[in-house]
Amino acid sequence: MRKGTAATTGLWLVAAGAHLALGRWIDHAAGTGVLGAASLYAYLAIGLGTQNILVRRRAARLAPRVAPGLPAGV
């Protein structure tokens, strides 16, 4: 159902790391100390939520259609 490879995982980890690093840099420059963590959590939630929706839609298109009241495979 997913079409990701090891390169996809690597790029995703690099993007998350870059996001965390930029958040920490902004926190250091602004002196707030909370933007980096909150921003990373939002990034992860939006990214993983979007992936979940897309994979579920793709799976629904690939799933065999079953008539109501009939067991699967009939």
PDB file of N, CA and C in Angstrom:
ATOM      1  N   MET A   1       0.811  -1.189   0.000  1.00  0.00           N
ATOM      2  CA  MET A   1       0.000   0.000   0.000  1.00  0.00           C
ATOM      3  C   MET A   1       0.862   1.265   0.000  1.00  0.00           C
ATOM      4  N   ARG A   2       2.024   1.171   0.575  1.00  0.00           N
ATOM      5  CA  ARG A   2       2.923   2.324   0.571  1.00  0.00           C
ATOM      6  C   ARG A   2       3.988   2.107  -0.482  1.00  0.00           C
ATOM      7  N   LYS A   3       4.454   3.197  -1.047  1.00  0.00           N
ATOM      8  CA  LYS A   3       5.442   3.088  -2.097  1.00  0.00           C
ATOM      9  C   LYS A   3       6.788   3.657  -1.663  1.00  0.00           C
ATOM     10  N   GLY A   4       6.990   3.827  -0.368  1.00  0.00           N
ATOM     11  CA  GLY A   4       8.233   4.393   0.131  1.00  0.00           C
ATOM     12  C   GLY A   4       9.380   3.401   0.084  1.00  0.00           C
ATOM     13  N   THR A   5      10.587   3.922   0.009  1.00  0.00           N
ATOM     14  CA  THR A   5      11.799   3.113   0.015  1.00  0.00           C
ATOM     15  C   THR A   5      12.678   3.574   1.171  1.00  0.00           C
ATOM     16  N   ALA A   6      13.864   3.014   1.265  1.00  0.00           N
ATOM     17  CA  ALA A   6      14.823   3.442   2.289  1.00  0.00           C
ATOM     18  C   ALA A   6      15.192   4.915   2.072  1.00  0.00           C
ATOM     19  N   ALA A   7      15.251   5.329   0.828  1.00  0.00           N
ATOM     20  CA  ALA A   7      15.553   6.738   0.533  1.00  0.00           C
ATOM     21  C   ALA A   7      14.439   7.649   1.042  1.00  0.00           C
ATOM     22  N   THR A   8      13.192   7.213   0.924  1.00  0.00           N
ATOM     23  CA  THR A   8      12.065   7.987   1.432  1.00  0.00           C
ATOM     24  C   THR A   8      12.190   8.182   2.940  1.00  0.00           C
ATOM     25  N   THR A   9      12.509   7.099   3.637  1.00  0.00           N
ATOM     26  CA  THR A   9      12.677   7.174   5.088  1.00  0.00           C
ATOM     27  C   THR A   9      13.833   8.089   5.449  1.00  0.00           C
ATOM     28  N   GLY A  10      14.932   7.955   4.747  1.00  0.00           N
ATOM     29  CA  GLY A  10      16.093   8.812   5.007  1.00  0.00           C
ATOM     30  C   GLY A  10      15.785  10.278   4.791  1.00  0.00           C
ATOM     31  N   LEU A  11      15.125  10.593   3.696  1.00  0.00           N
ATOM     32  CA  LEU A  11      14.766  11.983   3.421  1.00  0.00           C
ATOM     33  C   LEU A  11      13.773  12.520   4.446  1.00  0.00           C
ATOM     34  N   TRP A  12      12.854  11.679   4.891  1.00  0.00           N
ATOM     35  CA  TRP A  12      11.889  12.105   5.903  1.00  0.00           C
ATOM     36  C   TRP A  12      12.606  12.410   7.210  1.00  0.00           C
ATOM     37  N   LEU A  13      13.562  11.580   7.592  1.00  0.00           N
ATOM     38  CA  LEU A  13      14.332  11.822   8.819  1.00  0.00           C
ATOM     39  C   LEU A  13      15.182  13.084   8.702  1.00  0.00           C
ATOM     40  N   VAL A  14      15.772  13.315   7.537  1.00  0.00           N
ATOM     41  CA  VAL A  14      16.554  14.539   7.321  1.00  0.00           C
ATOM     42  C   VAL A  14      15.649  15.763   7.432  1.00  0.00           C
ATOM     43  N   ALA A  15      14.452  15.692   6.850  1.00  0.00           N
ATOM     44  CA  ALA A  15      13.524  16.819   6.925  1.00  0.00           C
ATOM     45  C   ALA A  15      13.097  17.093   8.365  1.00  0.00           C
ATOM     46  N   ALA A  16      12.806  16.034   9.128  1.00  0.00           N
ATOM     47  CA  ALA A  16      12.416  16.222  10.530  1.00  0.00           C
ATOM     48  C   ALA A  16      13.576  16.794  11.333  1.00  0.00           C
ATOM     49  N   GLY A  17      14.787  16.310  11.085  1.00  0.00           N
ATOM     50  CA  GLY A  17      15.966  16.841  11.771  1.00  0.00           C
ATOM     51  C   GLY A  17      16.216  18.303  11.431  1.00  0.00           C
ATOM     52  N   ALA A  18      16.071  18.650  10.161  1.00  0.00           N
ATOM     53  CA  ALA A  18      16.243  20.049   9.754  1.00  0.00           C
ATOM     54  C   ALA A  18      15.189  20.933  10.409  1.00  0.00           C
ATOM     55  N   HIS A  19      13.966  20.439  10.489  1.00  0.00           N
ATOM     56  CA  HIS A  19      12.893  21.193  11.115  1.00  0.00           C
ATOM     57  C   HIS A  19      13.203  21.434  12.594  1.00  0.00           C
ATOM     58  N   LEU A  20      13.670  20.399  13.275  1.00  0.00           N
ATOM     59  CA  LEU A  20      14.033  20.530  14.684  1.00  0.00           C
ATOM     60  C   LEU A  20      15.197  21.497  14.859  1.00  0.00           C
ATOM     61  N   ALA A  21      16.204  21.388  14.012  1.00  0.00           N
ATOM     62  CA  ALA A  21      17.369  22.269  14.103  1.00  0.00           C
ATOM     63  C   ALA A  21      16.977  23.730  13.881  1.00  0.00           C
ATOM     64  N   LEU A  22      16.150  23.984  12.879  1.00  0.00           N
ATOM     65  CA  LEU A  22      15.712  25.360  12.623  1.00  0.00           C
ATOM     66  C   LEU A  22      14.873  25.892  13.783  1.00  0.00           C
ATOM     67  N   GLY A  23      14.016  25.038  14.352  1.00  0.00           N
ATOM     68  CA  GLY A  23      13.224  25.453  15.502  1.00  0.00           C
ATOM     69  C   GLY A  23      14.100  25.824  16.691  1.00  0.00           C
ATOM     70  N   ARG A  24      15.122  25.024  16.945  1.00  0.00           N
ATOM     71  CA  ARG A  24      16.042  25.328  18.053  1.00  0.00           C
ATOM     72  C   ARG A  24      16.815  26.615  17.793  1.00  0.00           C
ATOM     73  N   TRP A  25      17.215  26.818  16.530  1.00  0.00           N
ATOM     74  CA  TRP A  25      17.942  28.038  16.186  1.00  0.00           C
ATOM     75  C   TRP A  25      17.056  29.268  16.397  1.00  0.00           C
ATOM     76  N   ILE A  26      15.801  29.168  15.980  1.00  0.00           N
ATOM     77  CA  ILE A  26      14.867  30.271  16.178  1.00  0.00           C
ATOM     78  C   ILE A  26      14.636  30.509  17.671  1.00  0.00           C
ATOM     79  N   ASP A  27      14.505  29.422  18.443  1.00  0.00           N
ATOM     80  CA  ASP A  27      14.334  29.561  19.897  1.00  0.00           C
ATOM     81  C   ASP A  27      15.529  30.268  20.515  1.00  0.00           C
ATOM     82  N   HIS A  28      16.720  29.886  20.087  1.00  0.00           N
ATOM     83  CA  HIS A  28      17.931  30.515  20.637  1.00  0.00           C
ATOM     84  C   HIS A  28      17.985  31.993  20.265  1.00  0.00           C
ATOM     85  N   ALA A  29      17.665  32.311  19.006  1.00  0.00           N
ATOM     86  CA  ALA A  29      17.720  33.698  18.549  1.00  0.00           C
ATOM     87  C   ALA A  29      16.647  34.554  19.216  1.00  0.00           C
ATOM     88  N   ALA A  30      15.459  33.989  19.421  1.00  0.00           N
ATOM     89  CA  ALA A  30      14.350  34.751  20.000  1.00  0.00           C
ATOM     90  C   ALA A  30      14.356  34.694  21.527  1.00  0.00           C
ATOM     91  N   GLY A  31      15.014  33.686  22.090  1.00  0.00           N
ATOM     92  CA  GLY A  31      15.060  33.548  23.537  1.00  0.00           C
ATOM     93  C   GLY A  31      13.780  32.997  24.144  1.00  0.00           C
ATOM     94  N   THR A  32      12.941  32.343  23.346  1.00  0.00           N
ATOM     95  CA  THR A  32      11.675  31.842  23.875  1.00  0.00           C
ATOM     96  C   THR A  32      11.795  30.420  24.410  1.00  0.00           C
ATOM     97  N   GLY A  33      12.376  29.519  23.645  1.00  0.00           N
ATOM     98  CA  GLY A  33      12.596  28.163  24.101  1.00  0.00           C
ATOM     99  C   GLY A  33      11.443  27.196  23.925  1.00  0.00           C
ATOM    100  N   VAL A  34      10.352  27.575  23.259  1.00  0.00           N
ATOM    101  CA  VAL A  34       9.224  26.658  23.098  1.00  0.00           C
ATOM    102  C   VAL A  34       8.797  26.453  21.646  1.00  0.00           C
ATOM    103  N   LEU A  35       9.228  27.292  20.756  1.00  0.00           N
ATOM    104  CA  LEU A  35       8.778  27.201  19.376  1.00  0.00           C
ATOM    105  C   LEU A  35       9.254  25.928  18.697  1.00  0.00           C
ATOM    106  N   GLY A  36      10.488  25.534  18.918  1.00  0.00           N
ATOM    107  CA  GLY A  36      11.058  24.363  18.253  1.00  0.00           C
ATOM    108  C   GLY A  36      10.272  23.104  18.520  1.00  0.00           C
ATOM    109  N   ALA A  37       9.969  22.806  19.779  1.00  0.00           N
ATOM    110  CA  ALA A  37       9.247  21.581  20.120  1.00  0.00           C
ATOM    111  C   ALA A  37       7.820  21.622  19.587  1.00  0.00           C
ATOM    112  N   ALA A  38       7.129  22.732  19.788  1.00  0.00           N
ATOM    113  CA  ALA A  38       5.746  22.835  19.325  1.00  0.00           C
ATOM    114  C   ALA A  38       5.677  22.748  17.804  1.00  0.00           C
ATOM    115  N   SER A  39       6.607  23.377  17.128  1.00  0.00           N
ATOM    116  CA  SER A  39       6.638  23.357  15.676  1.00  0.00           C
ATOM    117  C   SER A  39       6.937  21.946  15.166  1.00  0.00           C
ATOM    118  N   LEU A  40       7.847  21.242  15.822  1.00  0.00           N
ATOM    119  CA  LEU A  40       8.159  19.875  15.401  1.00  0.00           C
ATOM    120  C   LEU A  40       6.955  18.963  15.598  1.00  0.00           C
ATOM    121  N   TYR A  41       6.256  19.099  16.708  1.00  0.00           N
ATOM    122  CA  TYR A  41       5.057  18.285  16.944  1.00  0.00           C
ATOM    123  C   TYR A  41       3.998  18.552  15.883  1.00  0.00           C
ATOM    124  N   ALA A  42       3.806  19.801  15.523  1.00  0.00           N
ATOM    125  CA  ALA A  42       2.837  20.138  14.478  1.00  0.00           C
ATOM    126  C   ALA A  42       3.276  19.554  13.140  1.00  0.00           C
ATOM    127  N   TYR A  43       4.562  19.656  12.841  1.00  0.00           N
ATOM    128  CA  TYR A  43       5.108  19.102  11.597  1.00  0.00           C
ATOM    129  C   TYR A  43       4.854  17.600  11.520  1.00  0.00           C
ATOM    130  N   LEU A  44       5.134  16.883  12.608  1.00  0.00           N
ATOM    131  CA  LEU A  44       4.937  15.439  12.630  1.00  0.00           C
ATOM    132  C   LEU A  44       3.454  15.079  12.530  1.00  0.00           C
ATOM    133  N   ALA A  45       2.616  15.796  13.259  1.00  0.00           N
ATOM    134  CA  ALA A  45       1.179  15.501  13.239  1.00  0.00           C
ATOM    135  C   ALA A  45       0.588  15.721  11.851  1.00  0.00           C
ATOM    136  N   ILE A  46       0.931  16.822  11.224  1.00  0.00           N
ATOM    137  CA  ILE A  46       0.399  17.116   9.897  1.00  0.00           C
ATOM    138  C   ILE A  46       0.951  16.123   8.865  1.00  0.00           C
ATOM    139  N   GLY A  47       2.240  15.853   8.924  1.00  0.00           N
ATOM    140  CA  GLY A  47       2.851  14.926   7.969  1.00  0.00           C
ATOM    141  C   GLY A  47       2.319  13.515   8.093  1.00  0.00           C
ATOM    142  N   LEU A  48       2.286  12.989   9.319  1.00  0.00           N
ATOM    143  CA  LEU A  48       1.805  11.620   9.514  1.00  0.00           C
ATOM    144  C   LEU A  48       0.298  11.517   9.278  1.00  0.00           C
ATOM    145  N   GLY A  49      -0.451  12.536   9.652  1.00  0.00           N
ATOM    146  CA  GLY A  49      -1.891  12.536   9.405  1.00  0.00           C
ATOM    147  C   GLY A  49      -2.202  12.528   7.920  1.00  0.00           C
ATOM    148  N   THR A  50      -1.479  13.312   7.156  1.00  0.00           N
ATOM    149  CA  THR A  50      -1.675  13.355   5.712  1.00  0.00           C
ATOM    150  C   THR A  50      -1.318  12.017   5.073  1.00  0.00           C
ATOM    151  N   GLN A  51      -0.201  11.437   5.502  1.00  0.00           N
ATOM    152  CA  GLN A  51       0.180  10.121   4.982  1.00  0.00           C
ATOM    153  C   GLN A  51      -0.896   9.085   5.291  1.00  0.00           C
ATOM    154  N   ASN A  52      -1.435   9.128   6.490  1.00  0.00           N
ATOM    155  CA  ASN A  52      -2.471   8.181   6.904  1.00  0.00           C
ATOM    156  C   ASN A  52      -3.688   8.301   5.994  1.00  0.00           C
ATOM    157  N   ILE A  53      -4.129   9.514   5.749  1.00  0.00           N
ATOM    158  CA  ILE A  53      -5.298   9.733   4.888  1.00  0.00           C
ATOM    159  C   ILE A  53      -5.039   9.220   3.473  1.00  0.00           C
ATOM    160  N   LEU A  54      -3.870   9.532   2.921  1.00  0.00           N
ATOM    161  CA  LEU A  54      -3.561   9.118   1.554  1.00  0.00           C
ATOM    162  C   LEU A  54      -3.451   7.608   1.428  1.00  0.00           C
ATOM    163  N   VAL A  55      -2.823   6.948   2.397  1.00  0.00           N
ATOM    164  CA  VAL A  55      -2.682   5.495   2.338  1.00  0.00           C
ATOM    165  C   VAL A  55      -4.041   4.823   2.488  1.00  0.00           C
ATOM    166  N   ARG A  56      -4.889   5.341   3.381  1.00  0.00           N
ATOM    167  CA  ARG A  56      -6.224   4.756   3.546  1.00  0.00           C
ATOM    168  C   ARG A  56      -7.059   4.907   2.272  1.00  0.00           C
ATOM    169  N   ARG A  57      -6.964   6.052   1.614  1.00  0.00           N
ATOM    170  CA  ARG A  57      -7.700   6.233   0.352  1.00  0.00           C
ATOM    171  C   ARG A  57      -7.202   5.282  -0.712  1.00  0.00           C
ATOM    172  N   ARG A  58      -5.888   5.114  -0.796  1.00  0.00           N
ATOM    173  CA  ARG A  58      -5.321   4.195  -1.782  1.00  0.00           C
ATOM    174  C   ARG A  58      -5.752   2.766  -1.491  1.00  0.00           C
ATOM    175  N   ALA A  59      -5.748   2.381  -0.215  1.00  0.00           N
ATOM    176  CA  ALA A  59      -6.165   1.030   0.174  1.00  0.00           C
ATOM    177  C   ALA A  59      -7.642   0.802  -0.141  1.00  0.00           C
ATOM    178  N   ALA A  60      -8.465   1.825   0.077  1.00  0.00           N
ATOM    179  CA  ALA A  60      -9.896   1.688  -0.211  1.00  0.00           C
ATOM    180  C   ALA A  60     -10.132   1.473  -1.707  1.00  0.00           C
ATOM    181  N   ARG A  61      -9.337   2.110  -2.551  1.00  0.00           N
ATOM    182  CA  ARG A  61      -9.481   1.913  -3.996  1.00  0.00           C
ATOM    183  C   ARG A  61      -9.029   0.521  -4.419  1.00  0.00           C
ATOM    184  N   LEU A  62      -8.066  -0.060  -3.693  1.00  0.00           N
ATOM    185  CA  LEU A  62      -7.544  -1.370  -4.054  1.00  0.00           C
ATOM    186  C   LEU A  62      -8.345  -2.513  -3.451  1.00  0.00           C
ATOM    187  N   ALA A  63      -9.112  -2.246  -2.403  1.00  0.00           N
ATOM    188  CA  ALA A  63      -9.852  -3.300  -1.709  1.00  0.00           C
ATOM    189  C   ALA A  63     -10.975  -3.818  -2.591  1.00  0.00           C
ATOM    190  N   PRO A  64     -11.203  -5.137  -2.546  1.00  0.00           N
ATOM    191  CA  PRO A  64     -12.322  -5.693  -3.327  1.00  0.00           C
ATOM    192  C   PRO A  64     -13.647  -5.220  -2.748  1.00  0.00           C
ATOM    193  N   ARG A  65     -14.591  -5.000  -3.621  1.00  0.00           N
ATOM    194  CA  ARG A  65     -15.924  -4.566  -3.201  1.00  0.00           C
ATOM    195  C   ARG A  65     -16.732  -5.775  -2.752  1.00  0.00           C
ATOM    196  N   VAL A  66     -17.363  -5.696  -1.594  1.00  0.00           N
ATOM    197  CA  VAL A  66     -18.177  -6.782  -1.057  1.00  0.00           C
ATOM    198  C   VAL A  66     -19.607  -6.268  -0.916  1.00  0.00           C
ATOM    199  N   ALA A  67     -20.549  -7.016  -1.446  1.00  0.00           N
ATOM    200  CA  ALA A  67     -21.955  -6.634  -1.328  1.00  0.00           C
ATOM    201  C   ALA A  67     -22.400  -6.766   0.121  1.00  0.00           C
ATOM    202  N   PRO A  68     -23.267  -5.866   0.598  1.00  0.00           N
ATOM    203  CA  PRO A  68     -23.730  -5.947   1.983  1.00  0.00           C
ATOM    204  C   PRO A  68     -24.437  -7.281   2.252  1.00  0.00           C
ATOM    205  N   GLY A  69     -24.131  -7.878   3.372  1.00  0.00           N
ATOM    206  CA  GLY A  69     -24.766  -9.120   3.760  1.00  0.00           C
ATOM    207  C   GLY A  69     -24.090 -10.377   3.221  1.00  0.00           C
ATOM    208  N   LEU A  70     -23.117 -10.232   2.315  1.00  0.00           N
ATOM    209  CA  LEU A  70     -22.424 -11.386   1.788  1.00  0.00           C
ATOM    210  C   LEU A  70     -21.045 -11.487   2.420  1.00  0.00           C
ATOM    211  N   PRO A  71     -20.590 -12.711   2.705  1.00  0.00           N
ATOM    212  CA  PRO A  71     -19.235 -12.850   3.240  1.00  0.00           C
ATOM    213  C   PRO A  71     -18.207 -12.505   2.176  1.00  0.00           C
ATOM    214  N   ALA A  72     -17.039 -12.092   2.626  1.00  0.00           N
ATOM    215  CA  ALA A  72     -15.965 -11.740   1.685  1.00  0.00           C
ATOM    216  C   ALA A  72     -15.601 -12.946   0.842  1.00  0.00           C
ATOM    217  N   GLY A  73     -15.304 -12.731  -0.408  1.00  0.00           N
ATOM    218  CA  GLY A  73     -14.910 -13.802  -1.308  1.00  0.00           C
ATOM    219  C   GLY A  73     -16.066 -14.423  -2.068  1.00  0.00           C
ATOM    220  N   VAL A  74     -17.281 -13.947  -1.851  1.00  0.00           N
ATOM    221  CA  VAL A  74     -18.443 -14.515  -2.538  1.00  0.00           C
ATOM    222  C   VAL A  74     -18.798 -13.619  -3.702  1.00  0.00           C
TER     223      VAL A  74
END
